[in-house]
PDB file of N, CA and C in Angstrom:
ATOM      1  N   MET A   1     -12.093 -15.578 -11.230  1.00  0.00           N
ATOM      2  CA  MET A   1     -12.429 -14.179 -11.262  1.00  0.00           C
ATOM      3  C   MET A   1     -11.854 -13.363  -9.993  1.00  0.00           C
ATOM      4  N   PRO A   2     -11.966 -13.998  -8.815  1.00  0.00           N
ATOM      5  CA  PRO A   2     -11.337 -13.247  -7.704  1.00  0.00           C
ATOM      6  C   PRO A   2      -9.901 -13.022  -7.810  1.00  0.00           C
ATOM      7  N   ALA A   3      -9.131 -13.950  -8.481  1.00  0.00           N
ATOM      8  CA  ALA A   3      -7.719 -13.715  -8.602  1.00  0.00           C
ATOM      9  C   ALA A   3      -7.400 -12.490  -9.510  1.00  0.00           C
ATOM     10  N   THR A   4      -8.280 -12.323 -10.523  1.00  0.00           N
ATOM     11  CA  THR A   4      -8.130 -11.130 -11.443  1.00  0.00           C
ATOM     12  C   THR A   4      -8.325  -9.901 -10.632  1.00  0.00           C
ATOM     13  N   VAL A   5      -9.295  -9.822  -9.795  1.00  0.00           N
ATOM     14  CA  VAL A   5      -9.576  -8.663  -8.976  1.00  0.00           C
ATOM     15  C   VAL A   5      -8.476  -8.307  -8.060  1.00  0.00           C
ATOM     16  N   TYR A   6      -7.905  -9.314  -7.410  1.00  0.00           N
ATOM     17  CA  TYR A   6      -6.852  -9.216  -6.457  1.00  0.00           C
ATOM     18  C   TYR A   6      -5.546  -8.553  -7.182  1.00  0.00           C
ATOM     19  N   ILE A   7      -5.280  -9.160  -8.382  1.00  0.00           N
ATOM     20  CA  ILE A   7      -4.185  -8.729  -9.178  1.00  0.00           C
ATOM     21  C   ILE A   7      -4.314  -7.302  -9.592  1.00  0.00           C
ATOM     22  N   LEU A   8      -5.520  -6.978 -10.113  1.00  0.00           N
ATOM     23  CA  LEU A   8      -5.799  -5.585 -10.494  1.00  0.00           C
ATOM     24  C   LEU A   8      -5.727  -4.593  -9.375  1.00  0.00           C
ATOM     25  N   CYS A   9      -6.150  -4.996  -8.186  1.00  0.00           N
ATOM     26  CA  CYS A   9      -6.037  -4.114  -7.062  1.00  0.00           C
ATOM     27  C   CYS A   9      -4.569  -3.852  -6.649  1.00  0.00           C
ATOM     28  N   THR A  10      -3.824  -4.951  -6.761  1.00  0.00           N
ATOM     29  CA  THR A  10      -2.418  -4.802  -6.511  1.00  0.00           C
ATOM     30  C   THR A  10      -1.637  -3.942  -7.435  1.00  0.00           C
ATOM     31  N   ILE A  11      -1.970  -4.044  -8.707  1.00  0.00           N
ATOM     32  CA  ILE A  11      -1.388  -3.205  -9.798  1.00  0.00           C
ATOM     33  C   ILE A  11      -1.845  -1.799  -9.661  1.00  0.00           C
ATOM     34  N   THR A  12      -3.015  -1.544  -9.330  1.00  0.00           N
ATOM     35  CA  THR A  12      -3.591  -0.152  -9.133  1.00  0.00           C
ATOM     36  C   THR A  12      -2.859   0.518  -7.971  1.00  0.00           C
ATOM     37  N   ALA A  13      -2.739  -0.156  -6.864  1.00  0.00           N
ATOM     38  CA  ALA A  13      -1.994   0.394  -5.661  1.00  0.00           C
ATOM     39  C   ALA A  13      -0.573   0.701  -6.074  1.00  0.00           C
ATOM     40  N   LEU A  14       0.069  -0.227  -6.836  1.00  0.00           N
ATOM     41  CA  LEU A  14       1.427  -0.020  -7.287  1.00  0.00           C
ATOM     42  C   LEU A  14       1.603   1.188  -8.206  1.00  0.00           C
ATOM     43  N   ILE A  15       0.629   1.350  -9.110  1.00  0.00           N
ATOM     44  CA  ILE A  15       0.721   2.530  -9.953  1.00  0.00           C
ATOM     45  C   ILE A  15       0.523   3.751  -9.180  1.00  0.00           C
ATOM     46  N   CYS A  16      -0.366   3.737  -8.271  1.00  0.00           N
ATOM     47  CA  CYS A  16      -0.547   5.022  -7.400  1.00  0.00           C
ATOM     48  C   CYS A  16       0.726   5.279  -6.575  1.00  0.00           C
ATOM     49  N   CYS A  17       1.381   4.282  -6.096  1.00  0.00           N
ATOM     50  CA  CYS A  17       2.626   4.424  -5.387  1.00  0.00           C
ATOM     51  C   CYS A  17       3.690   5.064  -6.233  1.00  0.00           C
ATOM     52  N   VAL A  18       3.883   4.550  -7.427  1.00  0.00           N
ATOM     53  CA  VAL A  18       4.807   5.029  -8.341  1.00  0.00           C
ATOM     54  C   VAL A  18       4.545   6.487  -8.780  1.00  0.00           C
ATOM     55  N   LEU A  19       3.281   6.838  -9.055  1.00  0.00           N
ATOM     56  CA  LEU A  19       2.937   8.107  -9.477  1.00  0.00           C
ATOM     57  C   LEU A  19       3.117   9.164  -8.303  1.00  0.00           C
ATOM     58  N   LEU A  20       2.838   8.658  -7.095  1.00  0.00           N
ATOM     59  CA  LEU A  20       2.999   9.601  -5.895  1.00  0.00           C
ATOM     60  C   LEU A  20       4.550   9.804  -5.609  1.00  0.00           C
ATOM     61  N   PHE A  21       5.355   8.762  -5.772  1.00  0.00           N
ATOM     62  CA  PHE A  21       6.798   8.946  -5.648  1.00  0.00           C
ATOM     63  C   PHE A  21       7.358   9.923  -6.772  1.00  0.00           C
ATOM     64  N   ARG A  22       6.868   9.778  -7.984  1.00  0.00           N
ATOM     65  CA  ARG A  22       7.265  10.715  -9.073  1.00  0.00           C
ATOM     66  C   ARG A  22       6.910  12.201  -8.708  1.00  0.00           C
ATOM     67  N   GLY A  23       5.701  12.324  -8.240  1.00  0.00           N
ATOM     68  CA  GLY A  23       5.213  13.650  -7.788  1.00  0.00           C
ATOM     69  C   GLY A  23       6.120  14.270  -6.656  1.00  0.00           C
ATOM     70  N   TYR A  24       6.389  13.354  -5.734  1.00  0.00           N
ATOM     71  CA  TYR A  24       7.286  13.785  -4.657  1.00  0.00           C
ATOM     72  C   TYR A  24       8.659  14.268  -5.132  1.00  0.00           C
ATOM     73  N   ARG A  25       9.233  13.473  -6.033  1.00  0.00           N
ATOM     74  CA  ARG A  25      10.597  13.793  -6.587  1.00  0.00           C
ATOM     75  C   ARG A  25      10.502  15.146  -7.298  1.00  0.00           C
ATOM     76  N   GLN A  26       9.415  15.535  -7.934  1.00  0.00           N
ATOM     77  CA  GLN A  26       9.288  16.858  -8.604  1.00  0.00           C
ATOM     78  C   GLN A  26       8.883  17.977  -7.689  1.00  0.00           C
ATOM     79  N   ALA A  27       8.010  17.732  -6.744  1.00  0.00           N
ATOM     80  CA  ALA A  27       7.488  18.895  -5.869  1.00  0.00           C
ATOM     81  C   ALA A  27       8.161  18.874  -4.430  1.00  0.00           C
ATOM     82  N   HIS A  28       8.603  17.854  -4.042  1.00  0.00           N
ATOM     83  CA  HIS A  28       9.226  17.709  -2.762  1.00  0.00           C
ATOM     84  C   HIS A  28       8.271  17.992  -1.597  1.00  0.00           C
ATOM     85  N   ALA A  29       6.957  17.698  -1.819  1.00  0.00           N
ATOM     86  CA  ALA A  29       5.976  17.871  -0.828  1.00  0.00           C
ATOM     87  C   ALA A  29       5.954  16.602   0.031  1.00  0.00           C
ATOM     88  N   ARG A  30       6.000  16.789   1.385  1.00  0.00           N
ATOM     89  CA  ARG A  30       6.132  15.628   2.246  1.00  0.00           C
ATOM     90  C   ARG A  30       4.855  14.815   2.264  1.00  0.00           C
ATOM     91  N   LEU A  31       3.748  15.416   2.115  1.00  0.00           N
ATOM     92  CA  LEU A  31       2.550  14.607   2.082  1.00  0.00           C
ATOM     93  C   LEU A  31       2.521  13.603   0.932  1.00  0.00           C
ATOM     94  N   LEU A  32       3.144  13.953  -0.237  1.00  0.00           N
ATOM     95  CA  LEU A  32       3.215  13.099  -1.311  1.00  0.00           C
ATOM     96  C   LEU A  32       4.111  11.904  -0.994  1.00  0.00           C
ATOM     97  N   PHE A  33       5.095  12.114  -0.160  1.00  0.00           N
ATOM     98  CA  PHE A  33       6.130  11.054   0.235  1.00  0.00           C
ATOM     99  C   PHE A  33       5.331  10.123   1.111  1.00  0.00           C
ATOM    100  N   TRP A  34       4.598  10.578   2.168  1.00  0.00           N
ATOM    101  CA  TRP A  34       3.967   9.770   3.058  1.00  0.00           C
ATOM    102  C   TRP A  34       2.778   8.984   2.398  1.00  0.00           C
ATOM    103  N   SER A  35       2.146   9.650   1.433  1.00  0.00           N
ATOM    104  CA  SER A  35       1.095   8.938   0.701  1.00  0.00           C
ATOM    105  C   SER A  35       1.629   7.839  -0.224  1.00  0.00           C
ATOM    106  N   ALA A  36       2.800   8.079  -0.716  1.00  0.00           N
ATOM    107  CA  ALA A  36       3.500   7.050  -1.494  1.00  0.00           C
ATOM    108  C   ALA A  36       3.818   5.811  -0.675  1.00  0.00           C
ATOM    109  N   LEU A  37       4.344   6.113   0.526  1.00  0.00           N
ATOM    110  CA  LEU A  37       4.649   4.977   1.447  1.00  0.00           C
ATOM    111  C   LEU A  37       3.368   4.312   1.885  1.00  0.00           C
ATOM    112  N   CYS A  38       2.259   5.027   2.058  1.00  0.00           N
ATOM    113  CA  CYS A  38       0.964   4.376   2.352  1.00  0.00           C
ATOM    114  C   CYS A  38       0.602   3.304   1.224  1.00  0.00           C
ATOM    115  N   PHE A  39       0.728   3.886  -0.058  1.00  0.00           N
ATOM    116  CA  PHE A  39       0.329   3.040  -1.142  1.00  0.00           C
ATOM    117  C   PHE A  39       1.269   1.865  -1.377  1.00  0.00           C
ATOM    118  N   ALA A  40       2.545   2.062  -1.018  1.00  0.00           N
ATOM    119  CA  ALA A  40       3.516   0.923  -1.033  1.00  0.00           C
ATOM    120  C   ALA A  40       3.076  -0.147  -0.039  1.00  0.00           C
ATOM    121  N   ALA A  41       2.679   0.220   1.214  1.00  0.00           N
ATOM    122  CA  ALA A  41       2.265  -0.787   2.080  1.00  0.00           C
ATOM    123  C   ALA A  41       0.940  -1.344   1.662  1.00  0.00           C
ATOM    124  N   LEU A  42       0.054  -0.588   1.015  1.00  0.00           N
ATOM    125  CA  LEU A  42      -1.207  -1.149   0.513  1.00  0.00           C
ATOM    126  C   LEU A  42      -0.908  -2.182  -0.659  1.00  0.00           C
ATOM    127  N   THR A  43       0.038  -1.825  -1.419  1.00  0.00           N
ATOM    128  CA  THR A  43       0.415  -2.770  -2.496  1.00  0.00           C
ATOM    129  C   THR A  43       0.862  -4.147  -1.859  1.00  0.00           C
ATOM    130  N   LEU A  44       1.653  -4.135  -0.833  1.00  0.00           N
ATOM    131  CA  LEU A  44       2.069  -5.371  -0.213  1.00  0.00           C
ATOM    132  C   LEU A  44       0.887  -5.988   0.501  1.00  0.00           C
ATOM    133  N   GLN A  45      -0.009  -5.225   1.040  1.00  0.00           N
ATOM    134  CA  GLN A  45      -1.211  -5.775   1.712  1.00  0.00           C
ATOM    135  C   GLN A  45      -2.099  -6.551   0.597  1.00  0.00           C
ATOM    136  N   ASN A  46      -2.169  -5.919  -0.579  1.00  0.00           N
ATOM    137  CA  ASN A  46      -2.945  -6.605  -1.678  1.00  0.00           C
ATOM    138  C   ASN A  46      -2.191  -7.818  -2.145  1.00  0.00           C
ATOM    139  N   LEU A  47      -0.830  -7.783  -2.219  1.00  0.00           N
ATOM    140  CA  LEU A  47      -0.151  -8.955  -2.620  1.00  0.00           C
ATOM    141  C   LEU A  47      -0.345 -10.080  -1.648  1.00  0.00           C
ATOM    142  N   PHE A  48      -0.260  -9.772  -0.341  1.00  0.00           N
ATOM    143  CA  PHE A  48      -0.418 -10.853   0.652  1.00  0.00           C
ATOM    144  C   PHE A  48      -1.923 -11.319   0.607  1.00  0.00           C
ATOM    145  N   LEU A  49      -2.843 -10.542   0.313  1.00  0.00           N
ATOM    146  CA  LEU A  49      -4.231 -10.984   0.138  1.00  0.00           C
ATOM    147  C   LEU A  49      -4.267 -12.040  -0.984  1.00  0.00           C
ATOM    148  N   PHE A  50      -3.729 -11.761  -2.112  1.00  0.00           N
ATOM    149  CA  PHE A  50      -3.664 -12.639  -3.206  1.00  0.00           C
ATOM    150  C   PHE A  50      -2.932 -13.975  -2.792  1.00  0.00           C
ATOM    151  N   LEU A  51      -1.853 -13.832  -2.128  1.00  0.00           N
ATOM    152  CA  LEU A  51      -1.100 -15.032  -1.705  1.00  0.00           C
ATOM    153  C   LEU A  51      -1.981 -15.803  -0.687  1.00  0.00           C
ATOM    154  N   ASP A  52      -2.607 -15.167   0.207  1.00  0.00           N
ATOM    155  CA  ASP A  52      -3.386 -15.802   1.250  1.00  0.00           C
ATOM    156  C   ASP A  52      -4.687 -16.551   0.729  1.00  0.00           C
ATOM    157  N   VAL A  53      -5.305 -15.887  -0.255  1.00  0.00           N
ATOM    158  CA  VAL A  53      -6.614 -16.423  -0.624  1.00  0.00           C
ATOM    159  C   VAL A  53      -6.422 -17.338  -1.807  1.00  0.00           C
ATOM    160  N   ILE A  54      -5.583 -16.989  -2.818  1.00  0.00           N
ATOM    161  CA  ILE A  54      -5.462 -17.767  -4.018  1.00  0.00           C
ATOM    162  C   ILE A  54      -4.295 -18.783  -3.991  1.00  0.00           C
ATOM    163  N   ILE A  55      -3.176 -18.343  -3.712  1.00  0.00           N
ATOM    164  CA  ILE A  55      -1.921 -19.242  -3.757  1.00  0.00           C
ATOM    165  C   ILE A  55      -1.851 -20.259  -2.696  1.00  0.00           C
ATOM    166  N   PHE A  56      -1.966 -19.703  -1.365  1.00  0.00           N
ATOM    167  CA  PHE A  56      -1.680 -20.585  -0.167  1.00  0.00           C
ATOM    168  C   PHE A  56      -3.032 -20.533   0.659  1.00  0.00           C
ATOM    169  N   PRO A  57      -4.068 -21.142   0.199  1.00  0.00           N
ATOM    170  CA  PRO A  57      -5.285 -21.050   1.003  1.00  0.00           C
ATOM    171  C   PRO A  57      -5.176 -21.860   2.293  1.00  0.00           C
ATOM    172  N   GLN A  58      -4.268 -22.856   2.361  1.00  0.00           N
ATOM    173  CA  GLN A  58      -4.144 -23.552   3.556  1.00  0.00           C
ATOM    174  C   GLN A  58      -3.373 -22.863   4.641  1.00  0.00           C
ATOM    175  N   LEU A  59      -2.665 -21.704   4.266  1.00  0.00           N
ATOM    176  CA  LEU A  59      -2.021 -20.932   5.357  1.00  0.00           C
ATOM    177  C   LEU A  59      -2.833 -19.732   5.702  1.00  0.00           C
ATOM    178  N   ASP A  60      -2.616 -19.234   6.941  1.00  0.00           N
ATOM    179  CA  ASP A  60      -3.327 -18.062   7.370  1.00  0.00           C
ATOM    180  C   ASP A  60      -2.331 -16.834   7.420  1.00  0.00           C
ATOM    181  N   LEU A  61      -2.401 -16.072   6.396  1.00  0.00           N
ATOM    182  CA  LEU A  61      -1.540 -14.860   6.256  1.00  0.00           C
ATOM    183  C   LEU A  61      -2.183 -13.668   6.684  1.00  0.00           C
ATOM    184  N   SER A  62      -3.259 -13.747   7.427  1.00  0.00           N
ATOM    185  CA  SER A  62      -4.055 -12.548   7.843  1.00  0.00           C
ATOM    186  C   SER A  62      -3.280 -11.610   8.698  1.00  0.00           C
ATOM    187  N   LEU A  63      -2.385 -12.129   9.470  1.00  0.00           N
ATOM    188  CA  LEU A  63      -1.534 -11.241  10.346  1.00  0.00           C
ATOM    189  C   LEU A  63      -0.651 -10.377   9.540  1.00  0.00           C
ATOM    190  N   PHE A  64      -0.082 -10.849   8.481  1.00  0.00           N
ATOM    191  CA  PHE A  64       0.753 -10.046   7.567  1.00  0.00           C
ATOM    192  C   PHE A  64      -0.111  -8.998   6.807  1.00  0.00           C
ATOM    193  N   ARG A  65      -1.297  -9.459   6.372  1.00  0.00           N
ATOM    194  CA  ARG A  65      -2.158  -8.547   5.660  1.00  0.00           C
ATOM    195  C   ARG A  65      -2.608  -7.347   6.573  1.00  0.00           C
ATOM    196  N   LEU A  66      -3.002  -7.692   7.791  1.00  0.00           N
ATOM    197  CA  LEU A  66      -3.386  -6.652   8.754  1.00  0.00           C
ATOM    198  C   LEU A  66      -2.251  -5.820   9.154  1.00  0.00           C
ATOM    199  N   SER A  67      -1.052  -6.385   9.245  1.00  0.00           N
ATOM    200  CA  SER A  67       0.167  -5.526   9.646  1.00  0.00           C
ATOM    201  C   SER A  67       0.408  -4.534   8.555  1.00  0.00           C
ATOM    202  N   PHE A  68       0.362  -4.855   7.260  1.00  0.00           N
ATOM    203  CA  PHE A  68       0.621  -3.992   6.233  1.00  0.00           C
ATOM    204  C   PHE A  68      -0.486  -2.908   6.071  1.00  0.00           C
ATOM    205  N   SER A  69      -1.686  -3.367   6.383  1.00  0.00           N
ATOM    206  CA  SER A  69      -2.800  -2.290   6.421  1.00  0.00           C
ATOM    207  C   SER A  69      -2.621  -1.287   7.544  1.00  0.00           C
ATOM    208  N   LEU A  70      -2.288  -1.771   8.720  1.00  0.00           N
ATOM    209  CA  LEU A  70      -1.964  -0.847   9.835  1.00  0.00           C
ATOM    210  C   LEU A  70      -0.782   0.062   9.532  1.00  0.00           C
ATOM    211  N   LEU A  71       0.250  -0.464   8.890  1.00  0.00           N
ATOM    212  CA  LEU A  71       1.434   0.315   8.521  1.00  0.00           C
ATOM    213  C   LEU A  71       1.006   1.420   7.504  1.00  0.00           C
ATOM    214  N   ALA A  72       0.143   1.034   6.559  1.00  0.00           N
ATOM    215  CA  ALA A  72      -0.232   2.033   5.553  1.00  0.00           C
ATOM    216  C   ALA A  72      -1.026   3.123   6.210  1.00  0.00           C
ATOM    217  N   VAL A  73      -1.881   2.832   7.132  1.00  0.00           N
ATOM    218  CA  VAL A  73      -2.649   3.877   7.839  1.00  0.00           C
ATOM    219  C   VAL A  73      -1.686   4.754   8.756  1.00  0.00           C
ATOM    220  N   LEU A  74      -0.805   4.120   9.309  1.00  0.00           N
ATOM    221  CA  LEU A  74       0.114   4.836  10.265  1.00  0.00           C
ATOM    222  C   LEU A  74       0.972   5.826   9.350  1.00  0.00           C
ATOM    223  N   PHE A  75       1.434   5.360   8.195  1.00  0.00           N
ATOM    224  CA  PHE A  75       2.231   6.252   7.284  1.00  0.00           C
ATOM    225  C   PHE A  75       1.385   7.492   6.927  1.00  0.00           C
ATOM    226  N   LEU A  76       0.201   7.299   6.546  1.00  0.00           N
ATOM    227  CA  LEU A  76      -0.652   8.426   6.079  1.00  0.00           C
ATOM    228  C   LEU A  76      -1.022   9.252   7.272  1.00  0.00           C
ATOM    229  N   LEU A  77      -1.423   8.717   8.419  1.00  0.00           N
ATOM    230  CA  LEU A  77      -1.648   9.472   9.624  1.00  0.00           C
ATOM    231  C   LEU A  77      -0.513  10.366  10.017  1.00  0.00           C
ATOM    232  N   TYR A  78       0.679   9.810   9.969  1.00  0.00           N
ATOM    233  CA  TYR A  78       1.911  10.543  10.394  1.00  0.00           C
ATOM    234  C   TYR A  78       2.110  11.632   9.365  1.00  0.00           C
ATOM    235  N   GLY A  79       1.930  11.416   8.121  1.00  0.00           N
ATOM    236  CA  GLY A  79       2.142  12.411   7.110  1.00  0.00           C
ATOM    237  C   GLY A  79       1.091  13.555   7.202  1.00  0.00           C
ATOM    238  N   LEU A  80      -0.107  13.199   7.611  1.00  0.00           N
ATOM    239  CA  LEU A  80      -1.202  14.273   7.784  1.00  0.00           C
ATOM    240  C   LEU A  80      -0.999  15.119   9.104  1.00  0.00           C
ATOM    241  N   ILE A  81      -0.483  14.483  10.015  1.00  0.00           N
ATOM    242  CA  ILE A  81      -0.246  15.184  11.346  1.00  0.00           C
ATOM    243  C   ILE A  81       1.068  16.135  11.339  1.00  0.00           C
ATOM    244  N   TRP A  82       2.010  15.604  10.637  1.00  0.00           N
ATOM    245  CA  TRP A  82       3.344  16.282  10.618  1.00  0.00           C
ATOM    246  C   TRP A  82       3.148  17.681  10.009  1.00  0.00           C
ATOM    247  N   LYS A  83       3.378  18.702  10.793  1.00  0.00           N
ATOM    248  CA  LYS A  83       3.205  20.053  10.408  1.00  0.00           C
ATOM    249  C   LYS A  83       4.475  20.828  10.194  1.00  0.00           C
ATOM    250  N   ASP A  84       5.618  20.131   9.915  1.00  0.00           N
ATOM    251  CA  ASP A  84       6.921  20.798   9.858  1.00  0.00           C
ATOM    252  C   ASP A  84       7.034  21.643   8.657  1.00  0.00           C
ATOM    253  N   LYS A  85       6.407  21.280   7.513  1.00  0.00           N
ATOM    254  CA  LYS A  85       6.544  22.096   6.304  1.00  0.00           C
ATOM    255  C   LYS A  85       5.282  22.323   5.627  1.00  0.00           C
TER     256      LYS A  85
END
């Protein structure tokens, strides 16, 4: 059951990423771009969570998971602070 939840979370983050990139292509709003990058990093974070807990339980991939989480927050924070347009 946990594997299903991890996969569904990864797919959901990927769908959000794709939809945000599509919205950015149409509207050219920079916040959509940075939000899409945030969800791309969250997709990778969820993928590494699945790999860490389900596929490779003997390895510790928490550094990769936390790095992608930090990157996602930094993307969104930069997009929210950036006042250029």
